């Protein structure tokens, strides 16, 4: 069911669950806010116009559930414009995880003694996916089809190349995080998803961690009962022979719900294991 929020502004505390759908008449304007990122959309007779603004504070905690607003759209040029013969009347903005792996850099290096196992909780920005229900005149069509028009970062991390050379490796995002060891210490930030990263050192020597690759395209996105976003958990194991393995543990938090499926459902073990090995050796 599509939620059509009221146009009147609210003085109540903002709900961290900022995403949702809205149906607009021609000329209608809607707004979403997730942390530092604000999206404004206007429906025209034959197009949708979207404005996207991001504040410099990567850890802003404001959130605004989608609602119609009785105001004009920004007087700047739209960030995107999508044209149709007749513009659909319903737009949805949803949270999705990053489209690349994210290199998580703890604020200070972490050392794990032999035989120890530690879980770090790292948060990364989500993207805001814009989706319309588009009717296509096809034989046998049973109704409108969802079409994702664009994905906008709630806060765009910096780019980084990760690999032993410019020919071998992949383009990733990079974030710096406190990487807390107690989930209770995590602040609730509506535009960031928390990934539990468990690192197990089965080798006989100390393991030093300066960065970890979080395989975001292989993880699903979940919501807990407080409105916090989570991903699947990741287990990274350094074996006795210094080989490594990576395992994703699917599952929503207790009482939570699944919001988005992994972008990539292929097996990724070998690729990620080689990447993690390079991380442990301190390579780029």
Protein backbone atom coordinates (compact mmCIF):
# COMPACT_ATOMS: atom_id res chain seq x y z
CA UNK A 1 0.00 0.00 0.00
CA UNK A 2 1.29 3.46 -0.91
CA UNK A 3 1.48 5.93 1.95
CA UNK A 4 0.41 9.46 1.02
CA UNK A 5 1.77 11.62 3.85
CA UNK A 6 0.12 14.88 4.91
CA UNK A 7 1.37 18.17 3.55
CA UNK A 8 1.54 19.91 6.92
CA UNK A 9 4.97 20.14 8.62
CA UNK A 10 5.43 18.23 11.87
CA UNK A 11 6.93 19.54 15.11
CA UNK A 12 7.46 16.01 16.48
CA UNK A 13 10.89 14.34 16.69
CA UNK A 14 11.96 13.01 13.34
CA UNK A 15 11.55 9.29 12.60
CA UNK A 16 14.83 7.56 11.61
CA UNK A 17 12.90 5.57 8.99
CA UNK A 18 13.02 8.22 6.29
CA UNK A 19 12.21 6.10 3.22
CA UNK A 20 8.83 5.44 1.65
CA UNK A 21 6.42 6.08 -1.23
CA UNK A 22 4.26 9.07 -2.06
CA UNK A 23 1.61 9.73 -4.71
CA UNK A 24 1.62 13.25 -6.14
CA UNK A 25 -0.65 15.23 -8.42
CA UNK A 26 0.86 17.14 -11.33
CA UNK A 27 2.92 19.95 -9.77
CA UNK A 28 3.14 18.18 -6.40
CA UNK A 29 6.40 18.21 -4.42
CA UNK A 30 7.74 15.64 -1.92
CA UNK A 31 10.82 15.59 0.31
CA UNK A 32 12.98 12.97 2.02
CA UNK A 33 15.86 13.61 4.41
CA UNK A 34 18.43 11.06 5.55
CA UNK A 35 21.21 12.48 7.70
CA UNK A 36 23.15 14.99 5.60
CA UNK A 37 21.22 14.22 2.41
CA UNK A 38 17.95 15.81 1.23
CA UNK A 39 16.01 14.71 -1.85
CA UNK A 40 13.19 16.81 -3.30
CA UNK A 41 11.06 15.48 -6.16
CA UNK A 42 8.40 17.18 -8.25
CA UNK A 43 5.97 15.52 -10.61
CA UNK A 44 5.24 17.32 -13.88
CA UNK A 45 2.80 16.24 -16.57
CA UNK A 46 5.49 14.48 -18.60
CA UNK A 47 8.50 14.26 -16.30
CA UNK A 48 9.86 13.92 -12.76
CA UNK A 49 12.45 16.39 -11.52
CA UNK A 50 14.75 15.56 -8.65
CA UNK A 51 16.97 17.80 -6.53
CA UNK A 52 19.67 16.31 -4.30
CA UNK A 53 21.66 18.25 -1.73
CA UNK A 54 24.24 16.96 0.77
CA UNK A 55 25.53 18.79 3.82
CA UNK A 56 29.24 18.52 4.72
CA UNK A 57 28.56 16.74 8.05
CA UNK A 58 28.93 13.02 7.29
CA UNK A 59 27.44 12.08 10.68
CA UNK A 60 24.32 14.26 10.74
CA UNK A 61 21.47 12.51 12.55
CA UNK A 62 18.42 14.33 11.20
CA UNK A 63 15.84 12.32 9.30
CA UNK A 64 12.53 13.19 7.69
CA UNK A 65 9.99 10.63 6.60
CA UNK A 66 8.70 11.22 3.09
CA UNK A 67 5.88 13.74 2.91
CA UNK A 68 4.24 16.16 0.54
CA UNK A 69 5.31 19.75 1.03
CA UNK A 70 3.30 22.83 0.15
CA UNK A 71 6.23 24.76 -1.22
CA UNK A 72 7.99 25.39 -4.49
CA UNK A 73 10.93 23.15 -5.46
CA UNK A 74 14.45 24.61 -5.23
CA UNK A 75 15.16 27.41 -7.70
CA UNK A 76 18.37 25.69 -8.81
CA UNK A 77 18.63 23.30 -11.76
CA UNK A 78 17.44 19.78 -10.86
CA UNK A 79 20.06 17.10 -10.24
CA UNK A 80 18.16 14.73 -12.54
CA UNK A 81 15.15 14.78 -14.85
CA UNK A 82 13.22 11.78 -16.16
CA UNK A 83 10.80 12.14 -19.08
CA UNK A 84 7.70 10.07 -19.94
CA UNK A 85 4.74 10.28 -22.28
CA UNK A 86 2.69 10.60 -19.10
CA UNK A 87 4.62 10.82 -15.82
CA UNK A 88 3.72 8.10 -13.27
CA UNK A 89 2.14 9.51 -10.12
CA UNK A 90 3.93 7.46 -7.46
CA UNK A 91 7.60 7.65 -6.47
CA UNK A 92 9.48 5.57 -3.89
CA UNK A 93 12.82 6.25 -2.25
CA UNK A 94 14.45 3.24 -0.55
CA UNK A 95 17.75 2.59 1.24
CA UNK A 96 20.27 0.36 -0.56
CA UNK A 97 23.86 -0.57 0.21
CA UNK A 98 26.89 0.73 -1.66
CA UNK A 99 27.49 -0.58 -5.17
CA UNK A 100 31.18 -1.28 -4.48
CA UNK A 101 33.18 -2.83 -1.65
CA UNK A 102 33.99 -0.43 1.17
CA UNK A 103 37.46 -0.24 2.71
CA UNK A 104 36.93 0.32 6.43
CA UNK A 105 39.84 2.02 8.16
CA UNK A 106 39.71 2.00 11.99
CA UNK A 107 40.73 5.27 13.63
CA UNK A 108 43.73 3.45 15.11
CA UNK A 109 45.42 0.14 14.13
CA UNK A 110 43.99 -2.97 15.76
CA UNK A 111 46.09 -5.96 16.90
CA UNK A 112 44.52 -9.37 17.48
CA UNK A 113 46.57 -11.94 19.46
CA UNK A 114 46.75 -15.60 18.38
CA UNK A 115 43.61 -17.58 19.15
CA UNK A 116 41.46 -14.49 19.67
CA UNK A 117 38.23 -13.55 17.95
CA UNK A 118 36.79 -10.02 17.96
CA UNK A 119 33.71 -8.42 16.40
CA UNK A 120 33.86 -4.84 15.15
CA UNK A 121 30.79 -2.81 14.26
CA UNK A 122 31.46 -0.49 11.33
CA UNK A 123 28.92 1.87 9.78
CA UNK A 124 28.86 2.98 6.15
CA UNK A 125 26.56 5.38 4.26
CA UNK A 126 23.60 3.99 2.33
CA UNK A 127 22.35 5.12 -1.05
CA UNK A 128 18.84 6.48 -1.72
CA UNK A 129 17.26 4.56 -4.63
CA UNK A 130 14.55 6.39 -6.62
CA UNK A 131 11.92 4.13 -8.10
CA UNK A 132 8.80 4.75 -10.19
CA UNK A 133 5.95 2.43 -11.11
CA UNK A 134 5.96 2.67 -14.91
CA UNK A 135 3.18 1.38 -17.13
CA UNK A 136 4.37 -0.20 -20.36
CA UNK A 137 1.92 -1.07 -23.15
CA UNK A 138 2.93 -4.71 -23.51
CA UNK A 139 0.71 -7.65 -24.36
CA UNK A 140 -0.13 -9.59 -21.23
CA UNK A 141 1.03 -6.80 -18.92
CA UNK A 142 -0.64 -7.05 -15.52
CA UNK A 143 0.17 -3.57 -14.30
CA UNK A 144 2.97 -1.09 -13.76
CA UNK A 145 6.57 -2.29 -13.38
CA UNK A 146 9.05 -0.88 -10.85
CA UNK A 147 11.94 0.98 -12.48
CA UNK A 148 14.90 2.28 -10.46
CA UNK A 149 15.82 5.60 -12.03
CA UNK A 150 18.81 6.64 -9.97
CA UNK A 151 20.71 5.94 -6.76
CA UNK A 152 21.89 8.94 -4.77
CA UNK A 153 24.47 8.61 -1.97
CA UNK A 154 23.29 9.87 1.41
CA UNK A 155 26.93 10.82 1.86
CA UNK A 156 29.44 9.86 -0.80
CA UNK A 157 32.63 8.24 0.55
CA UNK A 158 35.92 8.91 -1.15
CA UNK A 159 37.10 6.64 -3.96
CA UNK A 160 40.07 4.36 -3.46
CA UNK A 161 41.80 1.79 -5.65
CA UNK A 162 42.45 -1.47 -3.86
CA UNK A 163 44.90 -3.95 -5.36
CA UNK A 164 48.60 -4.79 -5.82
CA UNK A 165 48.84 -2.75 -9.04
CA UNK A 166 46.90 -0.44 -11.33
CA UNK A 167 46.03 -3.46 -13.49
CA UNK A 168 44.94 -5.82 -10.73
CA UNK A 169 42.42 -4.74 -8.15
CA UNK A 170 39.12 -2.92 -7.97
CA UNK A 171 37.65 0.50 -7.35
CA UNK A 172 36.22 0.77 -3.83
CA UNK A 173 34.93 3.36 -1.41
CA UNK A 174 36.88 4.27 1.71
CA UNK A 175 35.50 5.24 5.12
CA UNK A 176 37.12 5.89 8.46
CA UNK A 177 35.24 4.54 11.45
CA UNK A 178 35.56 4.08 15.19
CA UNK A 179 34.86 0.36 14.56
CA UNK A 180 33.34 -0.14 18.00
CA UNK A 181 33.43 -3.52 19.74
CA UNK A 182 30.11 -3.03 21.59
CA UNK A 183 26.96 -2.54 19.51
CA UNK A 184 25.35 -0.68 22.42
CA UNK A 185 27.88 2.14 21.92
CA UNK A 186 26.73 2.80 18.37
CA UNK A 187 24.90 6.10 17.80
CA UNK A 188 21.71 5.82 15.76
CA UNK A 189 22.41 7.44 12.39
CA UNK A 190 19.54 7.03 9.93
CA UNK A 191 21.67 7.20 6.78
CA UNK A 192 24.28 4.61 7.78
CA UNK A 193 24.10 0.82 7.96
CA UNK A 194 26.05 -1.16 10.54
CA UNK A 195 28.09 -4.20 9.46
CA UNK A 196 29.26 -6.72 12.12
CA UNK A 197 32.79 -7.72 11.10
CA UNK A 198 34.12 -10.68 13.07
CA UNK A 199 37.86 -11.33 12.73
CA UNK A 200 39.30 -14.61 13.98
CA UNK A 201 43.05 -15.18 14.29
CA UNK A 202 43.84 -18.91 14.29
CA UNK A 203 47.51 -18.36 13.38
CA UNK A 204 50.40 -18.42 15.86
CA UNK A 205 51.41 -14.79 15.35
CA UNK A 206 49.88 -11.41 16.13
CA UNK A 207 47.54 -10.06 13.48
CA UNK A 208 47.53 -6.30 12.85
CA UNK A 209 44.54 -4.75 11.13
CA UNK A 210 44.75 -1.32 9.54
CA UNK A 211 41.91 -1.74 7.04
CA UNK A 212 39.22 -4.26 6.21
CA UNK A 213 37.26 -4.74 3.02
CA UNK A 214 33.51 -4.98 3.62
CA UNK A 215 31.93 -6.75 0.59
CA UNK A 216 28.84 -4.55 0.44
CA UNK A 217 27.48 -5.79 -2.95
CA UNK A 218 27.20 -9.31 -1.43
CA UNK A 219 25.28 -8.22 1.69
CA UNK A 220 21.56 -7.80 2.33
CA UNK A 221 20.14 -4.79 4.16
CA UNK A 222 17.99 -5.11 7.30
CA UNK A 223 16.08 -2.90 9.74
CA UNK A 224 15.88 -3.50 13.49
CA UNK A 225 13.02 -2.53 15.79
CA UNK A 226 14.66 0.80 16.74
CA UNK A 227 14.92 1.92 13.13
CA UNK A 228 18.64 1.18 12.78
CA UNK A 229 19.94 -0.21 9.50
CA UNK A 230 22.10 -3.36 9.55
CA UNK A 231 23.78 -5.56 6.96
CA UNK A 232 24.47 -9.28 7.03
CA UNK A 233 27.38 -10.24 9.27
CA UNK A 234 30.84 -11.01 7.84
CA UNK A 235 33.32 -13.52 9.33
CA UNK A 236 36.98 -13.16 8.27
CA UNK A 237 39.26 -15.96 9.46
CA UNK A 238 43.05 -16.13 9.34
CA UNK A 239 43.95 -19.82 9.34
CA UNK A 240 46.97 -21.52 10.91
CA UNK A 241 48.74 -21.69 7.53
CA UNK A 242 48.14 -17.93 7.06
CA UNK A 243 45.45 -18.61 4.45
CA UNK A 244 42.22 -16.71 4.90
CA UNK A 245 38.51 -17.26 4.42
CA UNK A 246 35.44 -15.03 4.34
CA UNK A 247 31.89 -16.05 5.17
CA UNK A 248 28.68 -14.03 5.03
CA UNK A 249 26.04 -14.88 7.61
CA UNK A 250 22.61 -13.83 6.30
CA UNK A 251 19.90 -12.84 8.73
CA UNK A 252 17.89 -9.92 10.06
CA UNK A 253 18.25 -8.67 13.65
CA UNK A 254 15.82 -10.20 16.15
CA UNK A 255 12.40 -8.78 15.42
CA UNK A 256 13.72 -6.92 12.39
CA UNK A 257 12.92 -7.04 8.70
CA UNK A 258 14.79 -7.46 5.44
CA UNK A 259 14.76 -4.31 3.31
CA UNK A 260 16.97 -5.11 0.32
CA UNK A 261 18.58 -8.16 -1.24
CA UNK A 262 22.31 -8.37 -2.09
CA UNK A 263 23.22 -6.70 -5.36
CA UNK A 264 25.43 -9.65 -6.28
CA UNK A 265 24.37 -13.21 -5.47
CA UNK A 266 27.37 -14.98 -7.02
CA UNK A 267 29.88 -16.96 -4.98
CA UNK A 268 32.62 -14.60 -3.89
CA UNK A 269 34.79 -16.63 -1.51
CA UNK A 270 37.98 -16.92 -3.54
CA UNK A 271 38.06 -13.30 -4.67
CA UNK A 272 37.44 -11.90 -1.23
CA UNK A 273 39.86 -14.32 0.41
CA UNK A 274 42.71 -13.12 -1.82
CA UNK A 275 41.79 -9.52 -1.07
CA UNK A 276 41.75 -10.14 2.66
CA UNK A 277 45.14 -11.86 2.44
CA UNK A 278 46.60 -8.71 0.91
CA UNK A 279 45.04 -6.65 3.69
CA UNK A 280 46.64 -8.80 6.35
CA UNK A 281 50.03 -8.44 4.70
CA UNK A 282 49.64 -4.66 4.65
CA UNK A 283 49.47 -4.36 0.86
CA UNK A 284 47.39 -1.65 -0.84
